[in-house]
ModelCIF file with pLDDT and N, C-alpha, C, O atoms, coordinates in Angstrom:
data_MODEL
#
_entry.id   MODEL 
#
_entity.id                         1 
_entity.type                       polymer 
_entity.pdbx_number_of_molecules   1 
#
_entity_poly.entity_id                      1 
_entity_poly.type                           'polypeptide(L)' 
_entity_poly.nstd_linkage                   no 
_entity_poly.nstd_monomer                   no 
_entity_poly.pdbx_seq_one_letter_code       
;(UNK)(UNK)(UNK)(UNK)(UNK)(UNK)(UNK)(UNK)(UNK)(UNK)(UNK)(UNK)(UNK)(UNK)(UNK)(UNK)
(UNK)(UNK)(UNK)(UNK)(UNK)(UNK)(UNK)(UNK)(UNK)(UNK)(UNK)(UNK)(UNK)(UNK)(UNK)(UNK)
(UNK)(UNK)(UNK)(UNK)(UNK)(UNK)(UNK)(UNK)(UNK)(UNK)
;
_entity_poly.pdbx_seq_one_letter_code_can   XXXXXXXXXXXXXXXXXXXXXXXXXXXXXXXXXXXXXXXXXX 
_entity_poly.pdbx_strand_id                 A 
#
loop_
_entity_poly_seq.entity_id 
_entity_poly_seq.num 
_entity_poly_seq.mon_id 
_entity_poly_seq.hetero 
1 1  UNK n 
1 2  UNK n 
1 3  UNK n 
1 4  UNK n 
1 5  UNK n 
1 6  UNK n 
1 7  UNK n 
1 8  UNK n 
1 9  UNK n 
1 10 UNK n 
1 11 UNK n 
1 12 UNK n 
1 13 UNK n 
1 14 UNK n 
1 15 UNK n 
1 16 UNK n 
1 17 UNK n 
1 18 UNK n 
1 19 UNK n 
1 20 UNK n 
1 21 UNK n 
1 22 UNK n 
1 23 UNK n 
1 24 UNK n 
1 25 UNK n 
1 26 UNK n 
1 27 UNK n 
1 28 UNK n 
1 29 UNK n 
1 30 UNK n 
1 31 UNK n 
1 32 UNK n 
1 33 UNK n 
1 34 UNK n 
1 35 UNK n 
1 36 UNK n 
1 37 UNK n 
1 38 UNK n 
1 39 UNK n 
1 40 UNK n 
1 41 UNK n 
1 42 UNK n 
#
_struct_asym.id          A 
_struct_asym.entity_id   1 
#
loop_
_ma_qa_metric.id 
_ma_qa_metric.mode 
_ma_qa_metric.name 
_ma_qa_metric.software_group_id 
_ma_qa_metric.type 
1 global pLDDT . pLDDT 
2 local  pLDDT . pLDDT 
#
_ma_qa_metric_global.metric_id      1 
_ma_qa_metric_global.metric_value   85.71 
_ma_qa_metric_global.model_id       1 
_ma_qa_metric_global.ordinal_id     1 
#
loop_
_ma_qa_metric_local.label_asym_id 
_ma_qa_metric_local.label_comp_id 
_ma_qa_metric_local.label_seq_id 
_ma_qa_metric_local.metric_id 
_ma_qa_metric_local.metric_value 
_ma_qa_metric_local.model_id 
_ma_qa_metric_local.ordinal_id 
A UNK 1  2 90.00 1 1  
A UNK 2  2 89.00 1 2  
A UNK 3  2 89.00 1 3  
A UNK 4  2 93.00 1 4  
A UNK 5  2 93.00 1 5  
A UNK 6  2 94.00 1 6  
A UNK 7  2 92.00 1 7  
A UNK 8  2 92.00 1 8  
A UNK 9  2 95.00 1 9  
A UNK 10 2 93.00 1 10 
A UNK 11 2 92.00 1 11 
A UNK 12 2 85.00 1 12 
A UNK 13 2 86.00 1 13 
A UNK 14 2 90.00 1 14 
A UNK 15 2 89.00 1 15 
A UNK 16 2 85.00 1 16 
A UNK 17 2 89.00 1 17 
A UNK 18 2 91.00 1 18 
A UNK 19 2 88.00 1 19 
A UNK 20 2 88.00 1 20 
A UNK 21 2 90.00 1 21 
A UNK 22 2 88.00 1 22 
A UNK 23 2 86.00 1 23 
A UNK 24 2 90.00 1 24 
A UNK 25 2 91.00 1 25 
A UNK 26 2 88.00 1 26 
A UNK 27 2 87.00 1 27 
A UNK 28 2 82.00 1 28 
A UNK 29 2 78.00 1 29 
A UNK 30 2 71.00 1 30 
A UNK 31 2 72.00 1 31 
A UNK 32 2 74.00 1 32 
A UNK 33 2 73.00 1 33 
A UNK 34 2 78.00 1 34 
A UNK 35 2 70.00 1 35 
A UNK 36 2 70.00 1 36 
A UNK 37 2 73.00 1 37 
A UNK 38 2 79.00 1 38 
A UNK 39 2 84.00 1 39 
A UNK 40 2 90.00 1 40 
A UNK 41 2 91.00 1 41 
A UNK 42 2 92.00 1 42 
#
loop_
_atom_site.group_PDB 
_atom_site.id 
_atom_site.type_symbol 
_atom_site.label_atom_id 
_atom_site.label_alt_id 
_atom_site.label_comp_id 
_atom_site.label_asym_id 
_atom_site.label_entity_id 
_atom_site.label_seq_id 
_atom_site.pdbx_PDB_ins_code 
_atom_site.Cartn_x 
_atom_site.Cartn_y 
_atom_site.Cartn_z 
_atom_site.occupancy 
_atom_site.B_iso_or_equiv 
_atom_site.pdbx_formal_charge 
_atom_site.auth_seq_id 
_atom_site.auth_comp_id 
_atom_site.auth_asym_id 
_atom_site.auth_atom_id 
_atom_site.pdbx_PDB_model_num 
ATOM 1   N N  . UNK A 1 1  ? -60.513 168.992 57.379 1.00 90.00 ? 1  UNK A N  1 
ATOM 2   C CA . UNK A 1 1  ? -60.441 169.560 56.035 1.00 90.00 ? 1  UNK A CA 1 
ATOM 3   C C  . UNK A 1 1  ? -60.140 168.437 55.062 1.00 90.00 ? 1  UNK A C  1 
ATOM 4   O O  . UNK A 1 1  ? -59.300 167.580 55.335 1.00 90.00 ? 1  UNK A O  1 
ATOM 5   N N  . UNK A 1 2  ? -60.827 168.441 53.924 1.00 89.00 ? 2  UNK A N  1 
ATOM 6   C CA . UNK A 1 2  ? -60.624 167.382 52.938 1.00 89.00 ? 2  UNK A CA 1 
ATOM 7   C C  . UNK A 1 2  ? -60.819 167.968 51.546 1.00 89.00 ? 2  UNK A C  1 
ATOM 8   O O  . UNK A 1 2  ? -61.870 168.529 51.237 1.00 89.00 ? 2  UNK A O  1 
ATOM 9   N N  . UNK A 1 3  ? -59.798 167.830 50.715 1.00 89.00 ? 3  UNK A N  1 
ATOM 10  C CA . UNK A 1 3  ? -59.893 168.348 49.347 1.00 89.00 ? 3  UNK A CA 1 
ATOM 11  C C  . UNK A 1 3  ? -60.165 169.836 49.290 1.00 89.00 ? 3  UNK A C  1 
ATOM 12  O O  . UNK A 1 3  ? -60.887 170.311 48.414 1.00 89.00 ? 3  UNK A O  1 
ATOM 13  N N  . UNK A 1 4  ? -59.575 170.583 50.242 1.00 93.00 ? 4  UNK A N  1 
ATOM 14  C CA . UNK A 1 4  ? -59.766 172.023 50.276 1.00 93.00 ? 4  UNK A CA 1 
ATOM 15  C C  . UNK A 1 4  ? -61.091 172.476 50.866 1.00 93.00 ? 4  UNK A C  1 
ATOM 16  O O  . UNK A 1 4  ? -61.396 173.668 50.869 1.00 93.00 ? 4  UNK A O  1 
ATOM 17  N N  . UNK A 1 5  ? -61.875 171.535 51.363 1.00 93.00 ? 5  UNK A N  1 
ATOM 18  C CA . UNK A 1 5  ? -63.193 171.860 51.932 1.00 93.00 ? 5  UNK A CA 1 
ATOM 19  C C  . UNK A 1 5  ? -63.179 171.664 53.438 1.00 93.00 ? 5  UNK A C  1 
ATOM 20  O O  . UNK A 1 5  ? -62.755 170.614 53.922 1.00 93.00 ? 5  UNK A O  1 
ATOM 21  N N  . UNK A 1 6  ? -63.634 172.657 54.182 1.00 94.00 ? 6  UNK A N  1 
ATOM 22  C CA . UNK A 1 6  ? -63.729 172.552 55.627 1.00 94.00 ? 6  UNK A CA 1 
ATOM 23  C C  . UNK A 1 6  ? -64.867 171.627 56.029 1.00 94.00 ? 6  UNK A C  1 
ATOM 24  O O  . UNK A 1 6  ? -65.977 171.729 55.506 1.00 94.00 ? 6  UNK A O  1 
ATOM 25  N N  . UNK A 1 7  ? -64.583 170.722 56.963 1.00 92.00 ? 7  UNK A N  1 
ATOM 26  C CA . UNK A 1 7  ? -65.588 169.760 57.394 1.00 92.00 ? 7  UNK A CA 1 
ATOM 27  C C  . UNK A 1 7  ? -66.028 169.973 58.840 1.00 92.00 ? 7  UNK A C  1 
ATOM 28  O O  . UNK A 1 7  ? -66.725 169.124 59.397 1.00 92.00 ? 7  UNK A O  1 
ATOM 29  N N  . UNK A 1 8  ? -65.643 171.066 59.447 1.00 92.00 ? 8  UNK A N  1 
ATOM 30  C CA . UNK A 1 8  ? -65.951 171.261 60.864 1.00 92.00 ? 8  UNK A CA 1 
ATOM 31  C C  . UNK A 1 8  ? -67.453 171.350 61.135 1.00 92.00 ? 8  UNK A C  1 
ATOM 32  O O  . UNK A 1 8  ? -67.881 171.141 62.271 1.00 92.00 ? 8  UNK A O  1 
ATOM 33  N N  . UNK A 1 9  ? -68.248 171.651 60.137 1.00 95.00 ? 9  UNK A N  1 
ATOM 34  C CA . UNK A 1 9  ? -69.698 171.698 60.332 1.00 95.00 ? 9  UNK A CA 1 
ATOM 35  C C  . UNK A 1 9  ? -70.324 170.307 60.242 1.00 95.00 ? 9  UNK A C  1 
ATOM 36  O O  . UNK A 1 9  ? -71.482 170.117 60.614 1.00 95.00 ? 9  UNK A O  1 
ATOM 37  N N  . UNK A 1 10 ? -69.555 169.338 59.748 1.00 93.00 ? 10 UNK A N  1 
ATOM 38  C CA . UNK A 1 10 ? -70.074 167.964 59.659 1.00 93.00 ? 10 UNK A CA 1 
ATOM 39  C C  . UNK A 1 10 ? -70.162 167.372 61.051 1.00 93.00 ? 10 UNK A C  1 
ATOM 40  O O  . UNK A 1 10 ? -69.362 167.729 61.917 1.00 93.00 ? 10 UNK A O  1 
ATOM 41  N N  . UNK A 1 11 ? -71.106 166.483 61.292 1.00 92.00 ? 11 UNK A N  1 
ATOM 42  C CA . UNK A 1 11 ? -71.143 165.770 62.577 1.00 92.00 ? 11 UNK A CA 1 
ATOM 43  C C  . UNK A 1 11 ? -69.873 164.939 62.753 1.00 92.00 ? 11 UNK A C  1 
ATOM 44  O O  . UNK A 1 11 ? -69.270 164.493 61.777 1.00 92.00 ? 11 UNK A O  1 
ATOM 45  N N  . UNK A 1 12 ? -69.479 164.738 64.005 1.00 85.00 ? 12 UNK A N  1 
ATOM 46  C CA . UNK A 1 12 ? -68.260 163.980 64.314 1.00 85.00 ? 12 UNK A CA 1 
ATOM 47  C C  . UNK A 1 12 ? -68.275 162.608 63.641 1.00 85.00 ? 12 UNK A C  1 
ATOM 48  O O  . UNK A 1 12 ? -67.254 162.176 63.107 1.00 85.00 ? 12 UNK A O  1 
ATOM 49  N N  . UNK A 1 13 ? -69.409 161.923 63.661 1.00 86.00 ? 13 UNK A N  1 
ATOM 50  C CA . UNK A 1 13 ? -69.497 160.584 63.063 1.00 86.00 ? 13 UNK A CA 1 
ATOM 51  C C  . UNK A 1 13 ? -69.169 160.623 61.569 1.00 86.00 ? 13 UNK A C  1 
ATOM 52  O O  . UNK A 1 13 ? -68.532 159.704 61.054 1.00 86.00 ? 13 UNK A O  1 
ATOM 53  N N  . UNK A 1 14 ? -69.589 161.660 60.883 1.00 90.00 ? 14 UNK A N  1 
ATOM 54  C CA . UNK A 1 14 ? -69.289 161.780 59.449 1.00 90.00 ? 14 UNK A CA 1 
ATOM 55  C C  . UNK A 1 14 ? -67.813 162.068 59.221 1.00 90.00 ? 14 UNK A C  1 
ATOM 56  O O  . UNK A 1 14 ? -67.213 161.548 58.279 1.00 90.00 ? 14 UNK A O  1 
ATOM 57  N N  . UNK A 1 15 ? -67.223 162.900 60.085 1.00 89.00 ? 15 UNK A N  1 
ATOM 58  C CA . UNK A 1 15 ? -65.784 163.197 59.947 1.00 89.00 ? 15 UNK A CA 1 
ATOM 59  C C  . UNK A 1 15 ? -64.935 161.962 60.221 1.00 89.00 ? 15 UNK A C  1 
ATOM 60  O O  . UNK A 1 15 ? -63.947 161.729 59.524 1.00 89.00 ? 15 UNK A O  1 
ATOM 61  N N  . UNK A 1 16 ? -65.301 161.167 61.225 1.00 85.00 ? 16 UNK A N  1 
ATOM 62  C CA . UNK A 1 16 ? -64.507 159.961 61.497 1.00 85.00 ? 16 UNK A CA 1 
ATOM 63  C C  . UNK A 1 16 ? -64.717 158.928 60.391 1.00 85.00 ? 16 UNK A C  1 
ATOM 64  O O  . UNK A 1 16 ? -63.800 158.166 60.084 1.00 85.00 ? 16 UNK A O  1 
ATOM 65  N N  . UNK A 1 17 ? -65.900 158.888 59.792 1.00 89.00 ? 17 UNK A N  1 
ATOM 66  C CA . UNK A 1 17 ? -66.119 157.993 58.643 1.00 89.00 ? 17 UNK A CA 1 
ATOM 67  C C  . UNK A 1 17 ? -65.221 158.423 57.482 1.00 89.00 ? 17 UNK A C  1 
ATOM 68  O O  . UNK A 1 17 ? -64.678 157.574 56.774 1.00 89.00 ? 17 UNK A O  1 
ATOM 69  N N  . UNK A 1 18 ? -65.063 159.723 57.284 1.00 91.00 ? 18 UNK A N  1 
ATOM 70  C CA . UNK A 1 18 ? -64.164 160.224 56.237 1.00 91.00 ? 18 UNK A CA 1 
ATOM 71  C C  . UNK A 1 18 ? -62.726 159.820 56.543 1.00 91.00 ? 18 UNK A C  1 
ATOM 72  O O  . UNK A 1 18 ? -61.974 159.465 55.635 1.00 91.00 ? 18 UNK A O  1 
ATOM 73  N N  . UNK A 1 19 ? -62.340 159.871 57.814 1.00 88.00 ? 19 UNK A N  1 
ATOM 74  C CA . UNK A 1 19 ? -60.996 159.435 58.211 1.00 88.00 ? 19 UNK A CA 1 
ATOM 75  C C  . UNK A 1 19 ? -60.815 157.946 57.931 1.00 88.00 ? 19 UNK A C  1 
ATOM 76  O O  . UNK A 1 19 ? -59.762 157.532 57.445 1.00 88.00 ? 19 UNK A O  1 
ATOM 77  N N  . UNK A 1 20 ? -61.821 157.146 58.230 1.00 88.00 ? 20 UNK A N  1 
ATOM 78  C CA . UNK A 1 20 ? -61.756 155.709 57.946 1.00 88.00 ? 20 UNK A CA 1 
ATOM 79  C C  . UNK A 1 20 ? -61.519 155.469 56.457 1.00 88.00 ? 20 UNK A C  1 
ATOM 80  O O  . UNK A 1 20 ? -60.695 154.638 56.076 1.00 88.00 ? 20 UNK A O  1 
ATOM 81  N N  . UNK A 1 21 ? -62.252 156.210 55.620 1.00 90.00 ? 21 UNK A N  1 
ATOM 82  C CA . UNK A 1 21 ? -62.088 156.051 54.168 1.00 90.00 ? 21 UNK A CA 1 
ATOM 83  C C  . UNK A 1 21 ? -60.693 156.473 53.727 1.00 90.00 ? 21 UNK A C  1 
ATOM 84  O O  . UNK A 1 21 ? -60.072 155.795 52.908 1.00 90.00 ? 21 UNK A O  1 
ATOM 85  N N  . UNK A 1 22 ? -60.192 157.589 54.260 1.00 88.00 ? 22 UNK A N  1 
ATOM 86  C CA . UNK A 1 22 ? -58.838 158.035 53.911 1.00 88.00 ? 22 UNK A CA 1 
ATOM 87  C C  . UNK A 1 22 ? -57.804 157.000 54.312 1.00 88.00 ? 22 UNK A C  1 
ATOM 88  O O  . UNK A 1 22 ? -56.873 156.724 53.555 1.00 88.00 ? 22 UNK A O  1 
ATOM 89  N N  . UNK A 1 23 ? -57.959 156.427 55.490 1.00 86.00 ? 23 UNK A N  1 
ATOM 90  C CA . UNK A 1 23 ? -57.029 155.418 56.000 1.00 86.00 ? 23 UNK A CA 1 
ATOM 91  C C  . UNK A 1 23 ? -57.016 154.208 55.062 1.00 86.00 ? 23 UNK A C  1 
ATOM 92  O O  . UNK A 1 23 ? -55.954 153.705 54.695 1.00 86.00 ? 23 UNK A O  1 
ATOM 93  N N  . UNK A 1 24 ? -58.196 153.759 54.687 1.00 90.00 ? 24 UNK A N  1 
ATOM 94  C CA . UNK A 1 24 ? -58.308 152.602 53.797 1.00 90.00 ? 24 UNK A CA 1 
ATOM 95  C C  . UNK A 1 24 ? -57.778 152.923 52.402 1.00 90.00 ? 24 UNK A C  1 
ATOM 96  O O  . UNK A 1 24 ? -57.019 152.144 51.828 1.00 90.00 ? 24 UNK A O  1 
ATOM 97  N N  . UNK A 1 25 ? -58.182 154.078 51.857 1.00 91.00 ? 25 UNK A N  1 
ATOM 98  C CA . UNK A 1 25 ? -57.766 154.458 50.511 1.00 91.00 ? 25 UNK A CA 1 
ATOM 99  C C  . UNK A 1 25 ? -56.253 154.621 50.402 1.00 91.00 ? 25 UNK A C  1 
ATOM 100 O O  . UNK A 1 25 ? -55.670 154.333 49.357 1.00 91.00 ? 25 UNK A O  1 
ATOM 101 N N  . UNK A 1 26 ? -55.613 155.082 51.481 1.00 88.00 ? 26 UNK A N  1 
ATOM 102 C CA . UNK A 1 26 ? -54.157 155.277 51.480 1.00 88.00 ? 26 UNK A CA 1 
ATOM 103 C C  . UNK A 1 26 ? -53.412 153.970 51.732 1.00 88.00 ? 26 UNK A C  1 
ATOM 104 O O  . UNK A 1 26 ? -52.193 153.909 51.571 1.00 88.00 ? 26 UNK A O  1 
ATOM 105 N N  . UNK A 1 27 ? -54.141 152.921 52.129 1.00 87.00 ? 27 UNK A N  1 
ATOM 106 C CA . UNK A 1 27 ? -53.510 151.633 52.394 1.00 87.00 ? 27 UNK A CA 1 
ATOM 107 C C  . UNK A 1 27 ? -52.567 151.658 53.579 1.00 87.00 ? 27 UNK A C  1 
ATOM 108 O O  . UNK A 1 27 ? -51.566 150.941 53.593 1.00 87.00 ? 27 UNK A O  1 
ATOM 109 N N  . UNK A 1 28 ? -52.875 152.477 54.576 1.00 82.00 ? 28 UNK A N  1 
ATOM 110 C CA . UNK A 1 28 ? -52.004 152.583 55.745 1.00 82.00 ? 28 UNK A CA 1 
ATOM 111 C C  . UNK A 1 28 ? -52.061 151.312 56.578 1.00 82.00 ? 28 UNK A C  1 
ATOM 112 O O  . UNK A 1 28 ? -53.109 150.678 56.706 1.00 82.00 ? 28 UNK A O  1 
ATOM 113 N N  . UNK A 1 29 ? -50.925 150.958 57.135 1.00 78.00 ? 29 UNK A N  1 
ATOM 114 C CA . UNK A 1 29 ? -50.837 149.799 58.021 1.00 78.00 ? 29 UNK A CA 1 
ATOM 115 C C  . UNK A 1 29 ? -49.877 150.141 59.151 1.00 78.00 ? 29 UNK A C  1 
ATOM 116 O O  . UNK A 1 29 ? -49.396 151.271 59.239 1.00 78.00 ? 29 UNK A O  1 
ATOM 117 N N  . UNK A 1 30 ? -49.596 149.165 60.020 1.00 71.00 ? 30 UNK A N  1 
ATOM 118 C CA . UNK A 1 30 ? -48.741 149.400 61.180 1.00 71.00 ? 30 UNK A CA 1 
ATOM 119 C C  . UNK A 1 30 ? -47.473 150.140 60.758 1.00 71.00 ? 30 UNK A C  1 
ATOM 120 O O  . UNK A 1 30 ? -46.876 149.806 59.734 1.00 71.00 ? 30 UNK A O  1 
ATOM 121 N N  . UNK A 1 31 ? -47.062 151.124 61.519 1.00 72.00 ? 31 UNK A N  1 
ATOM 122 C CA . UNK A 1 31 ? -47.467 151.453 62.876 1.00 72.00 ? 31 UNK A CA 1 
ATOM 123 C C  . UNK A 1 31 ? -48.702 152.348 62.957 1.00 72.00 ? 31 UNK A C  1 
ATOM 124 O O  . UNK A 1 31 ? -49.104 152.731 64.056 1.00 72.00 ? 31 UNK A O  1 
ATOM 125 N N  . UNK A 1 32 ? -49.308 152.688 61.828 1.00 74.00 ? 32 UNK A N  1 
ATOM 126 C CA . UNK A 1 32 ? -50.507 153.511 61.855 1.00 74.00 ? 32 UNK A CA 1 
ATOM 127 C C  . UNK A 1 32 ? -51.715 152.643 62.164 1.00 74.00 ? 32 UNK A C  1 
ATOM 128 O O  . UNK A 1 32 ? -51.834 151.523 61.669 1.00 74.00 ? 32 UNK A O  1 
ATOM 129 N N  . UNK A 1 33 ? -52.604 153.173 62.987 1.00 73.00 ? 33 UNK A N  1 
ATOM 130 C CA . UNK A 1 33 ? -53.834 152.440 63.306 1.00 73.00 ? 33 UNK A CA 1 
ATOM 131 C C  . UNK A 1 33 ? -54.918 153.432 63.694 1.00 73.00 ? 33 UNK A C  1 
ATOM 132 O O  . UNK A 1 33 ? -54.643 154.482 64.275 1.00 73.00 ? 33 UNK A O  1 
ATOM 133 N N  . UNK A 1 34 ? -56.139 153.084 63.366 1.00 78.00 ? 34 UNK A N  1 
ATOM 134 C CA . UNK A 1 34 ? -57.266 153.898 63.820 1.00 78.00 ? 34 UNK A CA 1 
ATOM 135 C C  . UNK A 1 34 ? -57.591 153.500 65.241 1.00 78.00 ? 34 UNK A C  1 
ATOM 136 O O  . UNK A 1 34 ? -57.473 152.331 65.608 1.00 78.00 ? 34 UNK A O  1 
ATOM 137 N N  . UNK A 1 35 ? -57.990 154.443 66.023 1.00 70.00 ? 35 UNK A N  1 
ATOM 138 C CA . UNK A 1 35 ? -58.261 154.181 67.431 1.00 70.00 ? 35 UNK A CA 1 
ATOM 139 C C  . UNK A 1 35 ? -59.657 153.628 67.608 1.00 70.00 ? 35 UNK A C  1 
ATOM 140 O O  . UNK A 1 35 ? -60.567 153.949 66.843 1.00 70.00 ? 35 UNK A O  1 
ATOM 141 N N  . UNK A 1 36 ? -59.823 152.795 68.622 1.00 70.00 ? 36 UNK A N  1 
ATOM 142 C CA . UNK A 1 36 ? -61.170 152.337 68.932 1.00 70.00 ? 36 UNK A CA 1 
ATOM 143 C C  . UNK A 1 36 ? -61.976 153.483 69.535 1.00 70.00 ? 36 UNK A C  1 
ATOM 144 O O  . UNK A 1 36 ? -61.411 154.469 70.009 1.00 70.00 ? 36 UNK A O  1 
ATOM 145 N N  . UNK A 1 37 ? -63.270 153.347 69.514 1.00 73.00 ? 37 UNK A N  1 
ATOM 146 C CA . UNK A 1 37 ? -64.118 154.394 70.060 1.00 73.00 ? 37 UNK A CA 1 
ATOM 147 C C  . UNK A 1 37 ? -65.316 153.757 70.755 1.00 73.00 ? 37 UNK A C  1 
ATOM 148 O O  . UNK A 1 37 ? -65.891 152.785 70.265 1.00 73.00 ? 37 UNK A O  1 
ATOM 149 N N  . UNK A 1 38 ? -65.681 154.319 71.900 1.00 79.00 ? 38 UNK A N  1 
ATOM 150 C CA . UNK A 1 38 ? -66.862 153.850 72.622 1.00 79.00 ? 38 UNK A CA 1 
ATOM 151 C C  . UNK A 1 38 ? -67.419 154.970 73.489 1.00 79.00 ? 38 UNK A C  1 
ATOM 152 O O  . UNK A 1 38 ? -66.701 155.894 73.872 1.00 79.00 ? 38 UNK A O  1 
ATOM 153 N N  . UNK A 1 39 ? -68.679 154.876 73.783 1.00 84.00 ? 39 UNK A N  1 
ATOM 154 C CA . UNK A 1 39 ? -69.295 155.783 74.751 1.00 84.00 ? 39 UNK A CA 1 
ATOM 155 C C  . UNK A 1 39 ? -69.638 155.024 76.032 1.00 84.00 ? 39 UNK A C  1 
ATOM 156 O O  . UNK A 1 39 ? -70.214 155.587 76.962 1.00 84.00 ? 39 UNK A O  1 
ATOM 157 N N  . UNK A 1 40 ? -69.276 153.735 76.071 1.00 90.00 ? 40 UNK A N  1 
ATOM 158 C CA . UNK A 1 40 ? -69.574 152.887 77.217 1.00 90.00 ? 40 UNK A CA 1 
ATOM 159 C C  . UNK A 1 40 ? -68.417 152.902 78.218 1.00 90.00 ? 40 UNK A C  1 
ATOM 160 O O  . UNK A 1 40 ? -67.332 152.419 77.894 1.00 90.00 ? 40 UNK A O  1 
ATOM 161 N N  . UNK A 1 41 ? -68.616 153.442 79.423 1.00 91.00 ? 41 UNK A N  1 
ATOM 162 C CA . UNK A 1 41 ? -67.533 153.513 80.420 1.00 91.00 ? 41 UNK A CA 1 
ATOM 163 C C  . UNK A 1 41 ? -66.933 152.145 80.761 1.00 91.00 ? 41 UNK A C  1 
ATOM 164 O O  . UNK A 1 41 ? -65.724 152.043 80.967 1.00 91.00 ? 41 UNK A O  1 
ATOM 165 N N  . UNK A 1 42 ? -67.751 151.100 80.822 1.00 92.00 ? 42 UNK A N  1 
ATOM 166 C CA . UNK A 1 42 ? -67.230 149.769 81.158 1.00 92.00 ? 42 UNK A CA 1 
ATOM 167 C C  . UNK A 1 42 ? -66.268 149.272 80.080 1.00 92.00 ? 42 UNK A C  1 
ATOM 168 O O  . UNK A 1 42 ? -65.731 148.170 80.192 1.00 92.00 ? 42 UNK A O  1 
#
């Protein structure tokens, strides 16, 4: 949810991009961190 709007219909990639923007816009730093993401088992 962002700005009173539900985002559950958005693709996951778009929602995580929105999270990235929120993180940057808020100027968050340690101990807060965005998690890495991969689809590669190795």
